[in-house]
Full PDB file with SEQRES, HELIX, SHEET, SSBOND, CRYST1, ORIGX, SCALE, CONECT and MASTER records, all heavy atoms in Angstrom:
SEQRES   1 A   34  SER LEU LEU GLU LEU PHE VAL LEU ALA VAL GLY LEU SER          
SEQRES   2 A   34  MET ASP ALA PHE ALA VAL SER VAL CYS LYS GLY LEU GLY          
SEQRES   3 A   34  VAL GLY ARG ALA GLY ALA ARG GLU                              
HELIX    1 AA1 LEU A    2  GLY A   26  1                                  25    
CRYST1    1.000    1.000    1.000  90.00  90.00  90.00 P 1           1          
ORIGX1      1.000000  0.000000  0.000000        0.00000                         
ORIGX2      0.000000  1.000000  0.000000        0.00000                         
ORIGX3      0.000000  0.000000  1.000000        0.00000                         
SCALE1      1.000000  0.000000  0.000000        0.00000                         
SCALE2      0.000000  1.000000  0.000000        0.00000                         
SCALE3      0.000000  0.000000  1.000000        0.00000                         
ATOM      1  N   SER A   1      38.200  10.541  18.176  1.00  0.00           N  
ATOM      2  CA  SER A   1      36.766  10.585  18.218  1.00  0.00           C  
ATOM      3  C   SER A   1      36.206  11.121  16.909  1.00  0.00           C  
ATOM      4  O   SER A   1      36.846  11.830  16.134  1.00  0.00           O  
ATOM      5  CB  SER A   1      36.066  11.220  19.466  1.00  0.00           C  
ATOM      6  OG  SER A   1      36.298  12.692  19.223  1.00  0.00           O  
ATOM      7  N   LEU A   2      34.900  10.872  16.646  1.00  0.00           N  
ATOM      8  CA  LEU A   2      34.278  11.388  15.487  1.00  0.00           C  
ATOM      9  C   LEU A   2      34.185  12.922  15.541  1.00  0.00           C  
ATOM     10  O   LEU A   2      34.356  13.578  14.593  1.00  0.00           O  
ATOM     11  CB  LEU A   2      32.822  10.875  15.308  1.00  0.00           C  
ATOM     12  CG  LEU A   2      32.075  11.152  14.022  1.00  0.00           C  
ATOM     13  CD1 LEU A   2      32.854  10.668  12.838  1.00  0.00           C  
ATOM     14  CD2 LEU A   2      30.636  10.582  14.021  1.00  0.00           C  
ATOM     15  N   LEU A   3      34.003  13.497  16.715  1.00  0.00           N  
ATOM     16  CA  LEU A   3      33.972  14.861  16.988  1.00  0.00           C  
ATOM     17  C   LEU A   3      35.318  15.542  16.540  1.00  0.00           C  
ATOM     18  O   LEU A   3      35.364  16.587  15.909  1.00  0.00           O  
ATOM     19  CB  LEU A   3      33.426  15.240  18.321  1.00  0.00           C  
ATOM     20  CG  LEU A   3      33.420  16.801  18.662  1.00  0.00           C  
ATOM     21  CD1 LEU A   3      32.461  17.474  17.687  1.00  0.00           C  
ATOM     22  CD2 LEU A   3      33.056  17.064  20.045  1.00  0.00           C  
ATOM     23  N   GLU A   4      36.375  14.977  17.124  1.00  0.00           N  
ATOM     24  CA  GLU A   4      37.740  15.420  16.787  1.00  0.00           C  
ATOM     25  C   GLU A   4      38.016  15.291  15.350  1.00  0.00           C  
ATOM     26  O   GLU A   4      38.645  16.240  14.832  1.00  0.00           O  
ATOM     27  CB  GLU A   4      38.717  14.506  17.549  1.00  0.00           C  
ATOM     28  CG  GLU A   4      38.736  14.771  19.131  1.00  0.00           C  
ATOM     29  CD  GLU A   4      39.560  13.781  19.797  1.00  0.00           C  
ATOM     30  OE1 GLU A   4      39.792  12.550  19.409  1.00  0.00           O  
ATOM     31  OE2 GLU A   4      40.170  14.153  20.924  1.00  0.00           O  
ATOM     32  N   LEU A   5      37.621  14.244  14.718  1.00  0.00           N  
ATOM     33  CA  LEU A   5      37.843  14.131  13.272  1.00  0.00           C  
ATOM     34  C   LEU A   5      37.131  15.098  12.531  1.00  0.00           C  
ATOM     35  O   LEU A   5      37.616  15.717  11.474  1.00  0.00           O  
ATOM     36  CB  LEU A   5      37.468  12.697  12.855  1.00  0.00           C  
ATOM     37  CG  LEU A   5      37.763  12.320  11.463  1.00  0.00           C  
ATOM     38  CD1 LEU A   5      39.307  12.553  11.129  1.00  0.00           C  
ATOM     39  CD2 LEU A   5      37.364  10.896  11.159  1.00  0.00           C  
ATOM     40  N   PHE A   6      35.828  15.501  12.952  1.00  0.00           N  
ATOM     41  CA  PHE A   6      34.989  16.530  12.264  1.00  0.00           C  
ATOM     42  C   PHE A   6      35.677  17.847  12.407  1.00  0.00           C  
ATOM     43  O   PHE A   6      35.819  18.625  11.409  1.00  0.00           O  
ATOM     44  CB  PHE A   6      33.577  16.473  12.795  1.00  0.00           C  
ATOM     45  CG  PHE A   6      32.743  17.567  12.151  1.00  0.00           C  
ATOM     46  CD1 PHE A   6      32.292  17.443  10.945  1.00  0.00           C  
ATOM     47  CD2 PHE A   6      32.481  18.738  12.876  1.00  0.00           C  
ATOM     48  CE1 PHE A   6      31.510  18.429  10.269  1.00  0.00           C  
ATOM     49  CE2 PHE A   6      31.661  19.805  12.310  1.00  0.00           C  
ATOM     50  CZ  PHE A   6      31.213  19.535  11.011  1.00  0.00           C  
ATOM     51  N   VAL A   7      36.202  18.187  13.486  1.00  0.00           N  
ATOM     52  CA  VAL A   7      36.879  19.467  13.785  1.00  0.00           C  
ATOM     53  C   VAL A   7      38.135  19.539  12.948  1.00  0.00           C  
ATOM     54  O   VAL A   7      38.330  20.587  12.264  1.00  0.00           O  
ATOM     55  CB  VAL A   7      37.188  19.706  15.249  1.00  0.00           C  
ATOM     56  CG1 VAL A   7      38.076  20.922  15.368  1.00  0.00           C  
ATOM     57  CG2 VAL A   7      35.831  19.774  16.043  1.00  0.00           C  
ATOM     58  N   LEU A   8      38.828  18.494  12.888  1.00  0.00           N  
ATOM     59  CA  LEU A   8      39.997  18.404  11.931  1.00  0.00           C  
ATOM     60  C   LEU A   8      39.720  18.550  10.566  1.00  0.00           C  
ATOM     61  O   LEU A   8      40.341  19.350   9.857  1.00  0.00           O  
ATOM     62  CB  LEU A   8      40.736  17.182  12.220  1.00  0.00           C  
ATOM     63  CG  LEU A   8      41.940  16.899  11.338  1.00  0.00           C  
ATOM     64  CD1 LEU A   8      43.089  17.825  11.637  1.00  0.00           C  
ATOM     65  CD2 LEU A   8      42.515  15.403  11.500  1.00  0.00           C  
ATOM     66  N   ALA A   9      38.621  17.813  10.174  1.00  0.00           N  
ATOM     67  CA  ALA A   9      38.243  17.996   8.702  1.00  0.00           C  
ATOM     68  C   ALA A   9      37.695  19.405   8.378  1.00  0.00           C  
ATOM     69  O   ALA A   9      38.079  19.792   7.220  1.00  0.00           O  
ATOM     70  CB  ALA A   9      37.053  16.989   8.399  1.00  0.00           C  
ATOM     71  N   VAL A  10      36.934  20.022   9.219  1.00  0.00           N  
ATOM     72  CA  VAL A  10      36.666  21.393   8.996  1.00  0.00           C  
ATOM     73  C   VAL A  10      37.823  22.279   8.902  1.00  0.00           C  
ATOM     74  O   VAL A  10      37.913  23.172   7.986  1.00  0.00           O  
ATOM     75  CB  VAL A  10      35.570  21.813   9.986  1.00  0.00           C  
ATOM     76  CG1 VAL A  10      35.352  23.333   9.961  1.00  0.00           C  
ATOM     77  CG2 VAL A  10      34.208  21.141   9.925  1.00  0.00           C  
ATOM     78  N   GLY A  11      38.728  22.175   9.821  1.00  0.00           N  
ATOM     79  CA  GLY A  11      39.944  22.928   9.739  1.00  0.00           C  
ATOM     80  C   GLY A  11      40.781  22.838   8.507  1.00  0.00           C  
ATOM     81  O   GLY A  11      41.162  23.720   7.911  1.00  0.00           O  
ATOM     82  N   LEU A  12      40.837  21.521   8.070  1.00  0.00           N  
ATOM     83  CA  LEU A  12      41.629  21.289   6.841  1.00  0.00           C  
ATOM     84  C   LEU A  12      40.928  21.876   5.637  1.00  0.00           C  
ATOM     85  O   LEU A  12      41.523  22.274   4.632  1.00  0.00           O  
ATOM     86  CB  LEU A  12      41.813  19.792   6.688  1.00  0.00           C  
ATOM     87  CG  LEU A  12      42.863  19.172   7.527  1.00  0.00           C  
ATOM     88  CD1 LEU A  12      42.883  17.630   7.466  1.00  0.00           C  
ATOM     89  CD2 LEU A  12      44.267  19.702   7.261  1.00  0.00           C  
ATOM     90  N   SER A  13      39.573  21.860   5.636  1.00  0.00           N  
ATOM     91  CA  SER A  13      38.800  22.326   4.468  1.00  0.00           C  
ATOM     92  C   SER A  13      38.658  23.797   4.292  1.00  0.00           C  
ATOM     93  O   SER A  13      38.275  24.239   3.318  1.00  0.00           O  
ATOM     94  CB  SER A  13      37.353  21.660   4.515  1.00  0.00           C  
ATOM     95  OG  SER A  13      36.612  22.200   5.582  1.00  0.00           O  
ATOM     96  N   MET A  14      39.076  24.582   5.287  1.00  0.00           N  
ATOM     97  CA  MET A  14      38.932  26.028   5.329  1.00  0.00           C  
ATOM     98  C   MET A  14      39.786  26.604   4.046  1.00  0.00           C  
ATOM     99  O   MET A  14      39.150  27.567   3.458  1.00  0.00           O  
ATOM    100  CB  MET A  14      39.291  26.575   6.603  1.00  0.00           C  
ATOM    101  CG  MET A  14      38.186  26.535   7.615  1.00  0.00           C  
ATOM    102  SD  MET A  14      36.596  27.240   7.157  1.00  0.00           S  
ATOM    103  CE  MET A  14      35.650  25.828   6.791  1.00  0.00           C  
ATOM    104  N   ASP A  15      40.915  26.173   3.842  1.00  0.00           N  
ATOM    105  CA  ASP A  15      41.768  26.692   2.792  1.00  0.00           C  
ATOM    106  C   ASP A  15      40.999  26.380   1.360  1.00  0.00           C  
ATOM    107  O   ASP A  15      40.926  27.204   0.559  1.00  0.00           O  
ATOM    108  CB  ASP A  15      43.102  26.093   2.676  1.00  0.00           C  
ATOM    109  CG  ASP A  15      44.063  26.675   3.748  1.00  0.00           C  
ATOM    110  OD1 ASP A  15      43.675  27.604   4.401  1.00  0.00           O  
ATOM    111  OD2 ASP A  15      45.156  26.121   3.908  1.00  0.00           O  
ATOM    112  N   ALA A  16      40.510  25.200   1.327  1.00  0.00           N  
ATOM    113  CA  ALA A  16      39.736  24.862   0.074  1.00  0.00           C  
ATOM    114  C   ALA A  16      38.507  25.619  -0.086  1.00  0.00           C  
ATOM    115  O   ALA A  16      38.164  26.073  -1.233  1.00  0.00           O  
ATOM    116  CB  ALA A  16      39.464  23.214   0.076  1.00  0.00           C  
ATOM    117  N   PHE A  17      37.760  25.847   1.041  1.00  0.00           N  
ATOM    118  CA  PHE A  17      36.569  26.741   1.011  1.00  0.00           C  
ATOM    119  C   PHE A  17      36.937  28.074   0.505  1.00  0.00           C  
ATOM    120  O   PHE A  17      36.184  28.636  -0.395  1.00  0.00           O  
ATOM    121  CB  PHE A  17      35.868  26.702   2.356  1.00  0.00           C  
ATOM    122  CG  PHE A  17      34.759  27.689   2.503  1.00  0.00           C  
ATOM    123  CD1 PHE A  17      33.664  27.295   1.994  1.00  0.00           C  
ATOM    124  CD2 PHE A  17      34.923  28.928   3.107  1.00  0.00           C  
ATOM    125  CE1 PHE A  17      32.463  28.263   2.022  1.00  0.00           C  
ATOM    126  CE2 PHE A  17      33.874  29.747   3.221  1.00  0.00           C  
ATOM    127  CZ  PHE A  17      32.561  29.461   2.665  1.00  0.00           C  
ATOM    128  N   ALA A  18      37.952  28.714   1.089  1.00  0.00           N  
ATOM    129  CA  ALA A  18      38.286  30.036   0.634  1.00  0.00           C  
ATOM    130  C   ALA A  18      38.701  30.131  -0.744  1.00  0.00           C  
ATOM    131  O   ALA A  18      38.345  31.048  -1.540  1.00  0.00           O  
ATOM    132  CB  ALA A  18      39.497  30.517   1.573  1.00  0.00           C  
ATOM    133  N   VAL A  19      39.458  29.126  -1.251  1.00  0.00           N  
ATOM    134  CA  VAL A  19      39.853  29.090  -2.720  1.00  0.00           C  
ATOM    135  C   VAL A  19      38.619  28.895  -3.571  1.00  0.00           C  
ATOM    136  O   VAL A  19      38.489  29.536  -4.683  1.00  0.00           O  
ATOM    137  CB  VAL A  19      40.985  28.123  -2.975  1.00  0.00           C  
ATOM    138  CG1 VAL A  19      41.244  27.935  -4.501  1.00  0.00           C  
ATOM    139  CG2 VAL A  19      42.240  28.389  -2.149  1.00  0.00           C  
ATOM    140  N   SER A  20      37.692  28.103  -3.110  1.00  0.00           N  
ATOM    141  CA  SER A  20      36.468  27.781  -3.847  1.00  0.00           C  
ATOM    142  C   SER A  20      35.628  29.101  -4.052  1.00  0.00           C  
ATOM    143  O   SER A  20      35.031  29.302  -5.026  1.00  0.00           O  
ATOM    144  CB  SER A  20      35.589  26.676  -3.160  1.00  0.00           C  
ATOM    145  OG  SER A  20      36.308  25.494  -3.245  1.00  0.00           O  
ATOM    146  N   VAL A  21      35.441  29.867  -2.871  1.00  0.00           N  
ATOM    147  CA  VAL A  21      34.878  31.131  -2.983  1.00  0.00           C  
ATOM    148  C   VAL A  21      35.513  32.008  -4.052  1.00  0.00           C  
ATOM    149  O   VAL A  21      34.888  32.696  -4.841  1.00  0.00           O  
ATOM    150  CB  VAL A  21      34.897  31.840  -1.621  1.00  0.00           C  
ATOM    151  CG1 VAL A  21      34.442  33.343  -1.716  1.00  0.00           C  
ATOM    152  CG2 VAL A  21      34.021  31.059  -0.551  1.00  0.00           C  
ATOM    153  N   CYS A  22      36.901  32.076  -4.109  1.00  0.00           N  
ATOM    154  CA  CYS A  22      37.643  32.802  -5.108  1.00  0.00           C  
ATOM    155  C   CYS A  22      37.299  32.346  -6.503  1.00  0.00           C  
ATOM    156  O   CYS A  22      37.178  33.073  -7.392  1.00  0.00           O  
ATOM    157  CB  CYS A  22      39.122  32.757  -4.755  1.00  0.00           C  
ATOM    158  SG  CYS A  22      39.624  33.546  -3.274  1.00  0.00           S  
ATOM    159  N   LYS A  23      37.274  30.950  -6.642  1.00  0.00           N  
ATOM    160  CA  LYS A  23      36.926  30.406  -7.982  1.00  0.00           C  
ATOM    161  C   LYS A  23      35.538  30.879  -8.411  1.00  0.00           C  
ATOM    162  O   LYS A  23      35.239  31.289  -9.503  1.00  0.00           O  
ATOM    163  CB  LYS A  23      37.000  28.924  -7.991  1.00  0.00           C  
ATOM    164  CG  LYS A  23      38.419  28.316  -7.821  1.00  0.00           C  
ATOM    165  CD  LYS A  23      39.341  28.843  -8.838  1.00  0.00           C  
ATOM    166  CE  LYS A  23      39.190  27.969 -10.116  1.00  0.00           C  
ATOM    167  NZ  LYS A  23      40.256  28.536 -11.116  1.00  0.00           N  
ATOM    168  N   GLY A  24      34.646  30.822  -7.440  1.00  0.00           N  
ATOM    169  CA  GLY A  24      33.232  31.302  -7.770  1.00  0.00           C  
ATOM    170  C   GLY A  24      33.174  32.748  -8.139  1.00  0.00           C  
ATOM    171  O   GLY A  24      32.358  33.210  -8.938  1.00  0.00           O  
ATOM    172  N   LEU A  25      34.048  33.537  -7.448  1.00  0.00           N  
ATOM    173  CA  LEU A  25      34.031  34.929  -7.688  1.00  0.00           C  
ATOM    174  C   LEU A  25      34.559  35.290  -9.190  1.00  0.00           C  
ATOM    175  O   LEU A  25      34.075  36.270  -9.741  1.00  0.00           O  
ATOM    176  CB  LEU A  25      34.939  35.696  -6.706  1.00  0.00           C  
ATOM    177  CG  LEU A  25      34.559  35.863  -5.283  1.00  0.00           C  
ATOM    178  CD1 LEU A  25      35.817  36.328  -4.357  1.00  0.00           C  
ATOM    179  CD2 LEU A  25      33.373  36.720  -5.164  1.00  0.00           C  
ATOM    180  N   GLY A  26      35.377  34.539  -9.593  1.00  0.00           N  
ATOM    181  CA  GLY A  26      36.104  34.838 -10.810  1.00  0.00           C  
ATOM    182  C   GLY A  26      35.351  34.366 -12.160  1.00  0.00           C  
ATOM    183  O   GLY A  26      35.908  34.744 -13.231  1.00  0.00           O  
ATOM    184  N   VAL A  27      34.291  33.608 -12.005  1.00  0.00           N  
ATOM    185  CA  VAL A  27      33.656  33.185 -13.270  1.00  0.00           C  
ATOM    186  C   VAL A  27      32.325  33.849 -13.490  1.00  0.00           C  
ATOM    187  O   VAL A  27      31.678  34.262 -12.515  1.00  0.00           O  
ATOM    188  CB  VAL A  27      33.505  31.581 -13.251  1.00  0.00           C  
ATOM    189  CG1 VAL A  27      34.780  30.904 -13.261  1.00  0.00           C  
ATOM    190  CG2 VAL A  27      32.637  31.154 -12.224  1.00  0.00           C  
ATOM    191  N   GLY A  28      31.874  33.898 -14.749  1.00  0.00           N  
ATOM    192  CA  GLY A  28      30.602  34.521 -15.014  1.00  0.00           C  
ATOM    193  C   GLY A  28      29.406  33.690 -14.308  1.00  0.00           C  
ATOM    194  O   GLY A  28      28.621  34.267 -13.663  1.00  0.00           O  
ATOM    195  N   ARG A  29      29.413  32.403 -14.659  1.00  0.00           N  
ATOM    196  CA  ARG A  29      28.446  31.504 -14.020  1.00  0.00           C  
ATOM    197  C   ARG A  29      28.951  30.124 -13.582  1.00  0.00           C  
ATOM    198  O   ARG A  29      29.827  29.671 -14.362  1.00  0.00           O  
ATOM    199  CB  ARG A  29      27.267  31.249 -14.959  1.00  0.00           C  
ATOM    200  CG  ARG A  29      26.501  32.483 -15.391  1.00  0.00           C  
ATOM    201  CD  ARG A  29      25.288  32.013 -16.289  1.00  0.00           C  
ATOM    202  NE  ARG A  29      24.584  33.199 -16.640  1.00  0.00           N  
ATOM    203  CZ  ARG A  29      23.634  33.964 -16.000  1.00  0.00           C  
ATOM    204  NH1 ARG A  29      23.440  33.542 -14.841  1.00  0.00           N  
ATOM    205  NH2 ARG A  29      23.013  35.017 -16.668  1.00  0.00           N  
ATOM    206  N   ALA A  30      28.587  29.808 -12.408  1.00  0.00           N  
ATOM    207  CA  ALA A  30      29.155  28.410 -11.931  1.00  0.00           C  
ATOM    208  C   ALA A  30      27.835  27.681 -11.656  1.00  0.00           C  
ATOM    209  O   ALA A  30      27.181  27.990 -10.727  1.00  0.00           O  
ATOM    210  CB  ALA A  30      29.988  28.647 -10.656  1.00  0.00           C  
ATOM    211  N   GLY A  31      27.689  26.533 -12.387  1.00  0.00           N  
ATOM    212  CA  GLY A  31      26.496  25.687 -12.085  1.00  0.00           C  
ATOM    213  C   GLY A  31      26.929  24.524 -11.285  1.00  0.00           C  
ATOM    214  O   GLY A  31      28.067  24.412 -10.726  1.00  0.00           O  
ATOM    215  N   ALA A  32      26.160  23.549 -11.280  1.00  0.00           N  
ATOM    216  CA  ALA A  32      26.384  22.240 -10.505  1.00  0.00           C  
ATOM    217  C   ALA A  32      27.624  21.592 -11.021  1.00  0.00           C  
ATOM    218  O   ALA A  32      28.418  21.185 -10.217  1.00  0.00           O  
ATOM    219  CB  ALA A  32      25.199  21.289 -10.632  1.00  0.00           C  
ATOM    220  N   ARG A  33      27.931  21.606 -12.347  1.00  0.00           N  
ATOM    221  CA  ARG A  33      29.160  21.091 -12.809  1.00  0.00           C  
ATOM    222  C   ARG A  33      30.345  21.628 -12.260  1.00  0.00           C  
ATOM    223  O   ARG A  33      31.281  20.954 -11.707  1.00  0.00           O  
ATOM    224  CB  ARG A  33      29.123  21.091 -14.328  1.00  0.00           C  
ATOM    225  CG  ARG A  33      30.285  20.566 -14.951  1.00  0.00           C  
ATOM    226  CD  ARG A  33      30.283  20.688 -16.610  1.00  0.00           C  
ATOM    227  NE  ARG A  33      31.425  20.223 -17.143  1.00  0.00           N  
ATOM    228  CZ  ARG A  33      32.550  20.766 -17.375  1.00  0.00           C  
ATOM    229  NH1 ARG A  33      32.694  21.960 -16.927  1.00  0.00           N  
ATOM    230  NH2 ARG A  33      33.551  20.227 -17.907  1.00  0.00           N  
ATOM    231  N   GLU A  34      30.436  22.954 -12.295  1.00  0.00           N  
ATOM    232  CA  GLU A  34      31.673  23.648 -11.765  1.00  0.00           C  
ATOM    233  C   GLU A  34      31.747  23.366 -10.244  1.00  0.00           C  
ATOM    234  O   GLU A  34      32.906  23.285  -9.757  1.00  0.00           O  
ATOM    235  CB  GLU A  34      31.600  25.189 -12.027  1.00  0.00           C  
ATOM    236  CG  GLU A  34      31.774  25.546 -13.534  1.00  0.00           C  
ATOM    237  CD  GLU A  34      30.517  25.218 -14.469  1.00  0.00           C  
ATOM    238  OE1 GLU A  34      29.440  25.141 -13.817  1.00  0.00           O  
ATOM    239  OE2 GLU A  34      30.712  25.034 -15.595  1.00  0.00           O  
TER     240      GLU A  34                                                      
MASTER        0    0    0    1    0    0    0    6  239    1    0    3          
END                                                                             
């Protein structure tokens, strides 16, 4: 179902979210491009 797929997509994206937060932490400024 779409709900199951959404839950799966959110679960899979959590590692990328955490790493993205780390990338944002490590730079002076991150705009729309970054």
